Amino acid sequence: MEGLKMLFALSLVLALLFLMAYVLKKIGPGRLSPGGKDGLAMRIVSTLPLGERRYLLIVELAGRHFFLGVTTSSIQLLQELRDLPPLPAPPETDTSFESIMEKARTLLRGKNT
């Protein structure tokens, strides 16, 4: 009886895992981000850490660039950078589950040999 309960629980966990993988594959990682699959509406162009949890950022938003100061408790607009030309979008990366798993397998194979 105890083995049957364990088998049922394992089946339930595996079914939920496959259901989650199916849903994430259908909605895709792009739909979880604000800009959607067509590209981010906002992106961080450059980051400069200043110390513990303090950064200077250059952010591109709708073709405009902003210089921001970021701490744990605030984000301050320091200046809009008007003379920066629009930068090219970063290259597309394959974020599918299969691609990530293949990269992990390749890394693991390389360490085992």
N, C-alpha and C. Protein backbone atom coordinates (compact mmCIF):
# COMPACT_ATOMS: atom_id res chain seq x y z
N MET A 1 0.82 -1.19 0.00
CA MET A 1 0.00 0.00 0.00
C MET A 1 0.88 1.27 0.00
N GLU A 2 1.96 1.23 0.80
CA GLU A 2 2.85 2.39 0.89
C GLU A 2 3.53 2.65 -0.46
N GLY A 3 3.92 1.60 -1.15
CA GLY A 3 4.55 1.75 -2.46
C GLY A 3 3.60 2.34 -3.49
N LEU A 4 2.33 1.99 -3.38
CA LEU A 4 1.32 2.52 -4.29
C LEU A 4 1.13 4.02 -4.08
N LYS A 5 1.15 4.48 -2.83
CA LYS A 5 1.04 5.91 -2.53
C LYS A 5 2.25 6.67 -3.10
N MET A 6 3.42 6.08 -2.93
CA MET A 6 4.63 6.73 -3.42
C MET A 6 4.61 6.80 -4.95
N LEU A 7 4.17 5.75 -5.60
CA LEU A 7 4.08 5.74 -7.06
C LEU A 7 3.07 6.78 -7.55
N PHE A 8 1.94 6.90 -6.86
CA PHE A 8 0.95 7.90 -7.22
C PHE A 8 1.51 9.32 -7.06
N ALA A 9 2.20 9.57 -5.96
CA ALA A 9 2.78 10.89 -5.72
C ALA A 9 3.82 11.22 -6.79
N LEU A 10 4.65 10.26 -7.13
CA LEU A 10 5.66 10.46 -8.17
C LEU A 10 4.99 10.75 -9.51
N SER A 11 3.96 10.02 -9.84
CA SER A 11 3.23 10.25 -11.09
C SER A 11 2.63 11.64 -11.12
N LEU A 12 2.07 12.07 -10.00
CA LEU A 12 1.48 13.40 -9.92
C LEU A 12 2.53 14.49 -10.11
N VAL A 13 3.67 14.35 -9.47
CA VAL A 13 4.75 15.33 -9.61
C VAL A 13 5.25 15.38 -11.05
N LEU A 14 5.44 14.24 -11.67
CA LEU A 14 5.90 14.21 -13.06
C LEU A 14 4.86 14.82 -14.01
N ALA A 15 3.59 14.55 -13.76
CA ALA A 15 2.54 15.14 -14.60
C ALA A 15 2.54 16.66 -14.47
N LEU A 16 2.69 17.17 -13.25
CA LEU A 16 2.75 18.62 -13.06
C LEU A 16 3.98 19.22 -13.72
N LEU A 17 5.09 18.52 -13.66
CA LEU A 17 6.32 18.99 -14.30
C LEU A 17 6.13 19.10 -15.81
N PHE A 18 5.56 18.07 -16.42
CA PHE A 18 5.33 18.12 -17.87
C PHE A 18 4.30 19.18 -18.24
N LEU A 19 3.30 19.37 -17.40
CA LEU A 19 2.31 20.42 -17.66
C LEU A 19 2.95 21.80 -17.61
N MET A 20 3.80 22.03 -16.62
CA MET A 20 4.49 23.32 -16.52
C MET A 20 5.41 23.54 -17.73
N ALA A 21 6.12 22.51 -18.15
CA ALA A 21 7.00 22.64 -19.32
C ALA A 21 6.18 22.96 -20.56
N TYR A 22 5.03 22.32 -20.72
CA TYR A 22 4.17 22.58 -21.88
C TYR A 22 3.67 24.03 -21.87
N VAL A 23 3.21 24.49 -20.72
CA VAL A 23 2.69 25.86 -20.62
C VAL A 23 3.79 26.87 -20.90
N LEU A 24 4.97 26.68 -20.31
CA LEU A 24 6.07 27.61 -20.56
C LEU A 24 6.51 27.61 -22.01
N LYS A 25 6.45 26.45 -22.65
CA LYS A 25 6.81 26.38 -24.07
C LYS A 25 5.78 27.13 -24.91
N LYS A 26 4.52 27.02 -24.55
CA LYS A 26 3.47 27.70 -25.31
C LYS A 26 3.52 29.21 -25.15
N ILE A 27 3.70 29.69 -23.92
CA ILE A 27 3.72 31.14 -23.74
C ILE A 27 5.07 31.72 -24.09
N GLY A 28 6.13 30.93 -23.96
CA GLY A 28 7.46 31.38 -24.34
C GLY A 28 8.04 32.39 -23.37
N PRO A 29 9.37 32.46 -23.29
CA PRO A 29 10.00 33.40 -22.36
C PRO A 29 9.78 34.85 -22.75
N GLY A 30 9.57 35.14 -24.04
CA GLY A 30 9.37 36.51 -24.48
C GLY A 30 8.09 37.13 -23.94
N ARG A 31 7.07 36.32 -23.72
CA ARG A 31 5.81 36.87 -23.21
C ARG A 31 5.87 37.17 -21.73
N LEU A 32 6.88 36.65 -21.06
CA LEU A 32 7.04 36.95 -19.64
C LEU A 32 7.74 38.28 -19.43
N SER A 33 8.39 38.79 -20.47
CA SER A 33 9.08 40.07 -20.36
C SER A 33 8.18 41.18 -20.89
N PRO A 34 8.41 42.44 -20.49
CA PRO A 34 7.51 43.54 -20.86
C PRO A 34 7.43 43.81 -22.35
N GLY A 35 8.50 43.57 -23.09
CA GLY A 35 8.51 43.93 -24.50
C GLY A 35 7.93 42.89 -25.43
N GLY A 36 7.70 41.68 -24.94
CA GLY A 36 7.16 40.62 -25.77
C GLY A 36 8.23 39.97 -26.62
N LYS A 37 7.80 39.09 -27.52
CA LYS A 37 8.74 38.33 -28.34
C LYS A 37 9.43 39.16 -29.41
N ASP A 38 8.86 40.28 -29.79
CA ASP A 38 9.43 41.08 -30.86
C ASP A 38 10.67 41.84 -30.44
N GLY A 39 10.98 41.85 -29.20
CA GLY A 39 12.14 42.57 -28.70
C GLY A 39 11.74 43.39 -27.50
N LEU A 40 12.70 43.65 -26.66
CA LEU A 40 12.39 44.41 -25.46
C LEU A 40 12.15 45.87 -25.77
N ALA A 41 11.16 46.43 -25.15
CA ALA A 41 10.89 47.85 -25.30
C ALA A 41 11.93 48.65 -24.54
N MET A 42 12.54 48.04 -23.54
CA MET A 42 13.57 48.69 -22.74
C MET A 42 14.72 47.72 -22.57
N ARG A 43 15.96 48.24 -22.63
CA ARG A 43 17.10 47.36 -22.36
C ARG A 43 18.20 48.13 -21.68
N ILE A 44 18.97 47.41 -20.89
CA ILE A 44 20.11 47.99 -20.21
C ILE A 44 21.30 47.91 -21.15
N VAL A 45 21.84 49.06 -21.52
CA VAL A 45 22.95 49.13 -22.46
C VAL A 45 24.26 48.89 -21.75
N SER A 46 24.42 49.50 -20.57
CA SER A 46 25.68 49.38 -19.84
C SER A 46 25.42 49.49 -18.35
N THR A 47 26.22 48.76 -17.57
CA THR A 47 26.11 48.78 -16.12
C THR A 47 27.49 48.99 -15.52
N LEU A 48 27.57 49.87 -14.53
CA LEU A 48 28.83 50.11 -13.82
C LEU A 48 28.55 49.97 -12.33
N PRO A 49 29.04 48.89 -11.69
CA PRO A 49 28.84 48.75 -10.25
C PRO A 49 29.72 49.75 -9.50
N LEU A 50 29.15 50.41 -8.51
CA LEU A 50 29.89 51.40 -7.73
C LEU A 50 30.24 50.89 -6.34
N GLY A 51 29.59 49.89 -5.91
CA GLY A 51 29.81 49.35 -4.57
C GLY A 51 28.70 48.37 -4.26
N GLU A 52 28.51 48.15 -3.00
CA GLU A 52 27.50 47.18 -2.60
C GLU A 52 26.10 47.67 -2.97
N ARG A 53 25.50 47.04 -3.94
CA ARG A 53 24.14 47.33 -4.42
C ARG A 53 23.95 48.75 -4.92
N ARG A 54 24.96 49.30 -5.55
CA ARG A 54 24.87 50.63 -6.16
C ARG A 54 25.43 50.55 -7.58
N TYR A 55 24.69 51.09 -8.53
CA TYR A 55 25.06 50.97 -9.94
C TYR A 55 24.77 52.27 -10.68
N LEU A 56 25.53 52.47 -11.74
CA LEU A 56 25.18 53.46 -12.75
C LEU A 56 24.76 52.68 -13.98
N LEU A 57 23.66 53.08 -14.59
CA LEU A 57 23.13 52.36 -15.76
C LEU A 57 22.91 53.33 -16.91
N ILE A 58 23.12 52.83 -18.11
CA ILE A 58 22.62 53.50 -19.30
C ILE A 58 21.52 52.60 -19.84
N VAL A 59 20.32 53.15 -19.93
CA VAL A 59 19.15 52.39 -20.34
C VAL A 59 18.61 52.98 -21.63
N GLU A 60 18.27 52.11 -22.59
CA GLU A 60 17.64 52.56 -23.82
C GLU A 60 16.15 52.26 -23.74
N LEU A 61 15.34 53.27 -24.00
CA LEU A 61 13.90 53.11 -23.97
C LEU A 61 13.32 53.88 -25.14
N ALA A 62 12.72 53.16 -26.06
CA ALA A 62 12.08 53.76 -27.24
C ALA A 62 13.06 54.65 -28.02
N GLY A 63 14.30 54.19 -28.18
CA GLY A 63 15.29 54.92 -28.97
C GLY A 63 15.97 56.06 -28.22
N ARG A 64 15.59 56.29 -26.99
CA ARG A 64 16.22 57.34 -26.17
C ARG A 64 17.07 56.69 -25.10
N HIS A 65 18.13 57.36 -24.68
CA HIS A 65 19.05 56.83 -23.68
C HIS A 65 18.98 57.65 -22.40
N PHE A 66 19.01 56.95 -21.28
CA PHE A 66 18.92 57.60 -19.98
C PHE A 66 20.06 57.10 -19.10
N PHE A 67 20.65 58.01 -18.32
CA PHE A 67 21.72 57.72 -17.38
C PHE A 67 21.07 57.67 -16.00
N LEU A 68 21.11 56.50 -15.35
CA LEU A 68 20.40 56.30 -14.09
C LEU A 68 21.37 55.93 -12.98
N GLY A 69 21.05 56.37 -11.78
CA GLY A 69 21.72 55.92 -10.57
C GLY A 69 20.77 55.01 -9.82
N VAL A 70 21.24 53.82 -9.46
CA VAL A 70 20.37 52.82 -8.85
C VAL A 70 20.96 52.36 -7.52
N THR A 71 20.15 52.39 -6.47
CA THR A 71 20.51 51.83 -5.17
C THR A 71 19.41 50.88 -4.76
N THR A 72 19.54 50.30 -3.57
CA THR A 72 18.50 49.37 -3.11
C THR A 72 17.18 50.07 -2.83
N SER A 73 17.23 51.36 -2.55
CA SER A 73 16.00 52.05 -2.17
C SER A 73 15.50 53.06 -3.20
N SER A 74 16.29 53.32 -4.27
CA SER A 74 15.80 54.32 -5.23
C SER A 74 16.46 54.15 -6.60
N ILE A 75 15.79 54.73 -7.57
CA ILE A 75 16.32 54.86 -8.93
C ILE A 75 16.20 56.33 -9.29
N GLN A 76 17.31 56.95 -9.64
CA GLN A 76 17.31 58.38 -9.94
C GLN A 76 17.72 58.60 -11.39
N LEU A 77 16.96 59.41 -12.10
CA LEU A 77 17.35 59.83 -13.44
C LEU A 77 18.40 60.91 -13.28
N LEU A 78 19.62 60.61 -13.72
CA LEU A 78 20.70 61.59 -13.61
C LEU A 78 20.71 62.51 -14.81
N GLN A 79 20.48 61.94 -16.00
CA GLN A 79 20.50 62.77 -17.20
C GLN A 79 19.96 61.95 -18.38
N GLU A 80 19.30 62.63 -19.30
CA GLU A 80 18.97 62.00 -20.57
C GLU A 80 20.14 62.24 -21.51
N LEU A 81 20.63 61.19 -22.12
CA LEU A 81 21.78 61.28 -23.02
C LEU A 81 21.26 61.48 -24.43
N ARG A 82 21.31 62.70 -24.91
CA ARG A 82 20.70 63.04 -26.20
C ARG A 82 21.62 62.79 -27.39
N ASP A 83 22.92 62.73 -27.18
CA ASP A 83 23.84 62.62 -28.31
C ASP A 83 24.23 61.19 -28.67
N LEU A 84 23.69 60.20 -27.97
CA LEU A 84 24.01 58.81 -28.29
C LEU A 84 23.16 58.34 -29.46
N PRO A 85 23.78 57.75 -30.47
CA PRO A 85 22.98 57.19 -31.57
C PRO A 85 22.29 55.91 -31.09
N PRO A 86 21.20 55.53 -31.72
CA PRO A 86 20.57 54.26 -31.36
C PRO A 86 21.54 53.11 -31.59
N LEU A 87 21.66 52.25 -30.60
CA LEU A 87 22.59 51.13 -30.69
C LEU A 87 21.89 49.93 -31.30
N PRO A 88 22.63 49.08 -31.99
CA PRO A 88 21.99 47.89 -32.57
C PRO A 88 21.50 46.96 -31.46
N ALA A 89 20.46 46.25 -31.77
CA ALA A 89 19.90 45.30 -30.81
C ALA A 89 20.90 44.17 -30.58
N PRO A 90 20.90 43.60 -29.38
CA PRO A 90 21.79 42.48 -29.13
C PRO A 90 21.39 41.29 -29.99
N PRO A 91 22.33 40.41 -30.29
CA PRO A 91 22.00 39.25 -31.13
C PRO A 91 20.99 38.34 -30.45
N GLU A 92 20.15 37.72 -31.26
CA GLU A 92 19.14 36.81 -30.74
C GLU A 92 19.82 35.59 -30.12
N THR A 93 19.32 35.17 -28.99
CA THR A 93 19.81 33.95 -28.36
C THR A 93 18.65 32.99 -28.25
N ASP A 94 18.96 31.73 -28.45
CA ASP A 94 17.94 30.69 -28.36
C ASP A 94 17.76 30.32 -26.90
N THR A 95 16.60 30.66 -26.33
CA THR A 95 16.34 30.38 -24.93
C THR A 95 15.38 29.22 -24.74
N SER A 96 15.24 28.38 -25.77
CA SER A 96 14.33 27.24 -25.63
C SER A 96 14.93 26.23 -24.66
N PHE A 97 14.08 25.46 -24.04
CA PHE A 97 14.51 24.46 -23.08
C PHE A 97 15.47 23.47 -23.72
N GLU A 98 15.16 23.06 -24.96
CA GLU A 98 16.01 22.10 -25.65
C GLU A 98 17.41 22.66 -25.86
N SER A 99 17.50 23.92 -26.23
CA SER A 99 18.79 24.56 -26.47
C SER A 99 19.61 24.64 -25.18
N ILE A 100 18.96 25.03 -24.10
CA ILE A 100 19.65 25.13 -22.82
C ILE A 100 20.14 23.76 -22.36
N MET A 101 19.31 22.75 -22.51
CA MET A 101 19.72 21.40 -22.10
C MET A 101 20.87 20.88 -22.96
N GLU A 102 20.85 21.19 -24.26
CA GLU A 102 21.93 20.75 -25.14
C GLU A 102 23.25 21.42 -24.75
N LYS A 103 23.21 22.70 -24.41
CA LYS A 103 24.41 23.40 -23.96
C LYS A 103 24.93 22.78 -22.66
N ALA A 104 24.02 22.44 -21.75
CA ALA A 104 24.43 21.82 -20.49
C ALA A 104 25.05 20.46 -20.74
N ARG A 105 24.45 19.67 -21.64
CA ARG A 105 25.03 18.36 -21.97
C ARG A 105 26.44 18.51 -22.55
N THR A 106 26.60 19.49 -23.44
CA THR A 106 27.91 19.72 -24.06
C THR A 106 28.94 20.09 -22.99
N LEU A 107 28.57 20.96 -22.07
CA LEU A 107 29.49 21.34 -21.00
C LEU A 107 29.85 20.16 -20.13
N LEU A 108 28.85 19.34 -19.78
CA LEU A 108 29.10 18.19 -18.94
C LEU A 108 29.97 17.15 -19.64
N ARG A 109 29.74 16.95 -20.92
CA ARG A 109 30.57 16.00 -21.67
C ARG A 109 32.02 16.47 -21.70
N GLY A 110 32.20 17.78 -21.86
CA GLY A 110 33.56 18.33 -21.90
C GLY A 110 34.29 18.15 -20.59
N LYS A 111 33.58 18.23 -19.47
CA LYS A 111 34.20 18.06 -18.15
C LYS A 111 34.50 16.60 -17.85
N ASN A 112 33.70 15.68 -18.43
CA ASN A 112 33.89 14.27 -18.15
C ASN A 112 35.03 13.65 -18.96
N THR A 113 35.43 14.28 -20.04
CA THR A 113 36.49 13.69 -20.86
C THR A 113 37.85 14.16 -20.44
